[in-house]
Amino acid sequence: MKEGGCPIYRENAAETLASLRHIALNILRSETSKKASIRRKQKMVSMNSAYLKKVINAGLA
């Protein structure tokens, strides 16, 4: 997720963003309808809103 390119310096913002990234990765891992790498799933989610909905629903289930 290229954490090095996102400098965060306010209070506990770095820990908060790390937690959000961890949650996002767990949601992507929970979606199993397509067999693809996490990086590939990130790309597919960014280009396809229907797949984004599917991933979010898988994460909430």
C-alpha atoms as a PDB file:
ATOM      1  CA  MET A   1       0.000   0.000   0.000  1.00  0.00           C
ATOM      2  CA  LYS A   2       3.088   2.229  -0.240  1.00  0.00           C
ATOM      3  CA  GLU A   3       3.090   3.403   3.373  1.00  0.00           C
ATOM      4  CA  GLY A   4       6.506   5.031   2.890  1.00  0.00           C
ATOM      5  CA  GLY A   5       5.054   7.595   0.480  1.00  0.00           C
ATOM      6  CA  CYS A   6       2.569   8.861   3.050  1.00  0.00           C
ATOM      7  CA  PRO A   7       4.374  10.775   5.805  1.00  0.00           C
ATOM      8  CA  ILE A   8       2.124  11.264   8.822  1.00  0.00           C
ATOM      9  CA  TYR A   9       3.355  13.355  11.734  1.00  0.00           C
ATOM     10  CA  ARG A  10       0.320  14.288  13.848  1.00  0.00           C
ATOM     11  CA  GLU A  11      -0.054  12.656  17.268  1.00  0.00           C
ATOM     12  CA  ASN A  12      -1.265   9.086  16.752  1.00  0.00           C
ATOM     13  CA  ALA A  13      -2.310   9.465  13.100  1.00  0.00           C
ATOM     14  CA  ALA A  14       0.288   6.926  11.929  1.00  0.00           C
ATOM     15  CA  GLU A  15      -1.157   4.222  14.181  1.00  0.00           C
ATOM     16  CA  THR A  16      -4.691   5.098  13.105  1.00  0.00           C
ATOM     17  CA  LEU A  17      -3.824   4.848   9.409  1.00  0.00           C
ATOM     18  CA  ALA A  18      -1.959   1.598  10.000  1.00  0.00           C
ATOM     19  CA  SER A  19      -5.093   0.183  11.637  1.00  0.00           C
ATOM     20  CA  LEU A  20      -7.249   1.310   8.704  1.00  0.00           C
ATOM     21  CA  ARG A  21      -4.833  -0.284   6.238  1.00  0.00           C
ATOM     22  CA  HIS A  22      -4.937  -3.507   8.243  1.00  0.00           C
ATOM     23  CA  ILE A  23      -8.745  -3.493   8.170  1.00  0.00           C
ATOM     24  CA  ALA A  24      -8.728  -2.853   4.409  1.00  0.00           C
ATOM     25  CA  LEU A  25      -6.361  -5.775   3.821  1.00  0.00           C
ATOM     26  CA  ASN A  26      -8.502  -8.071   5.963  1.00  0.00           C
ATOM     27  CA  ILE A  27     -11.603  -7.076   3.980  1.00  0.00           C
ATOM     28  CA  LEU A  28      -9.803  -7.800   0.696  1.00  0.00           C
ATOM     29  CA  ARG A  29      -8.675 -11.185   2.038  1.00  0.00           C
ATOM     30  CA  SER A  30     -12.234 -12.075   3.084  1.00  0.00           C
ATOM     31  CA  GLU A  31     -13.543 -11.692  -0.484  1.00  0.00           C
ATOM     32  CA  THR A  32     -13.004 -15.070  -2.140  1.00  0.00           C
ATOM     33  CA  SER A  33     -15.124 -14.996  -5.323  1.00  0.00           C
ATOM     34  CA  LYS A  34     -12.085 -14.050  -7.434  1.00  0.00           C
ATOM     35  CA  LYS A  35      -8.757 -15.772  -7.021  1.00  0.00           C
ATOM     36  CA  ALA A  36      -6.305 -12.876  -7.243  1.00  0.00           C
ATOM     37  CA  SER A  37      -3.518 -11.298  -5.244  1.00  0.00           C
ATOM     38  CA  ILE A  38      -4.244  -8.508  -2.783  1.00  0.00           C
ATOM     39  CA  ARG A  39      -2.557  -5.980  -5.090  1.00  0.00           C
ATOM     40  CA  ARG A  40      -4.688  -7.165  -8.021  1.00  0.00           C
ATOM     41  CA  LYS A  41      -7.853  -6.970  -5.926  1.00  0.00           C
ATOM     42  CA  GLN A  42      -6.938  -3.386  -4.941  1.00  0.00           C
ATOM     43  CA  LYS A  43      -6.670  -2.521  -8.619  1.00  0.00           C
ATOM     44  CA  MET A  44      -9.965  -4.229  -9.482  1.00  0.00           C
ATOM     45  CA  VAL A  45     -11.753  -2.418  -6.636  1.00  0.00           C
ATOM     46  CA  SER A  46     -10.435   0.940  -7.830  1.00  0.00           C
ATOM     47  CA  MET A  47     -11.746   0.345 -11.358  1.00  0.00           C
ATOM     48  CA  ASN A  48     -15.033  -1.477 -10.734  1.00  0.00           C
ATOM     49  CA  SER A  49     -17.686  -0.161  -8.345  1.00  0.00           C
ATOM     50  CA  ALA A  50     -19.696  -3.397  -8.524  1.00  0.00           C
ATOM     51  CA  TYR A  51     -16.664  -5.350  -7.313  1.00  0.00           C
ATOM     52  CA  LEU A  52     -16.110  -2.733  -4.594  1.00  0.00           C
ATOM     53  CA  LYS A  53     -19.625  -3.405  -3.297  1.00  0.00           C
ATOM     54  CA  LYS A  54     -18.957  -7.148  -3.384  1.00  0.00           C
ATOM     55  CA  VAL A  55     -15.736  -6.714  -1.385  1.00  0.00           C
ATOM     56  CA  ILE A  56     -17.415  -4.480   1.192  1.00  0.00           C
ATOM     57  CA  ASN A  57     -20.283  -6.935   1.604  1.00  0.00           C
ATOM     58  CA  ALA A  58     -17.796  -9.794   2.057  1.00  0.00           C
ATOM     59  CA  GLY A  59     -16.015  -7.782   4.735  1.00  0.00           C
ATOM     60  CA  LEU A  60     -19.233  -7.071   6.606  1.00  0.00           C
ATOM     61  CA  ALA A  61     -20.465 -10.656   6.481  1.00  0.00           C
END
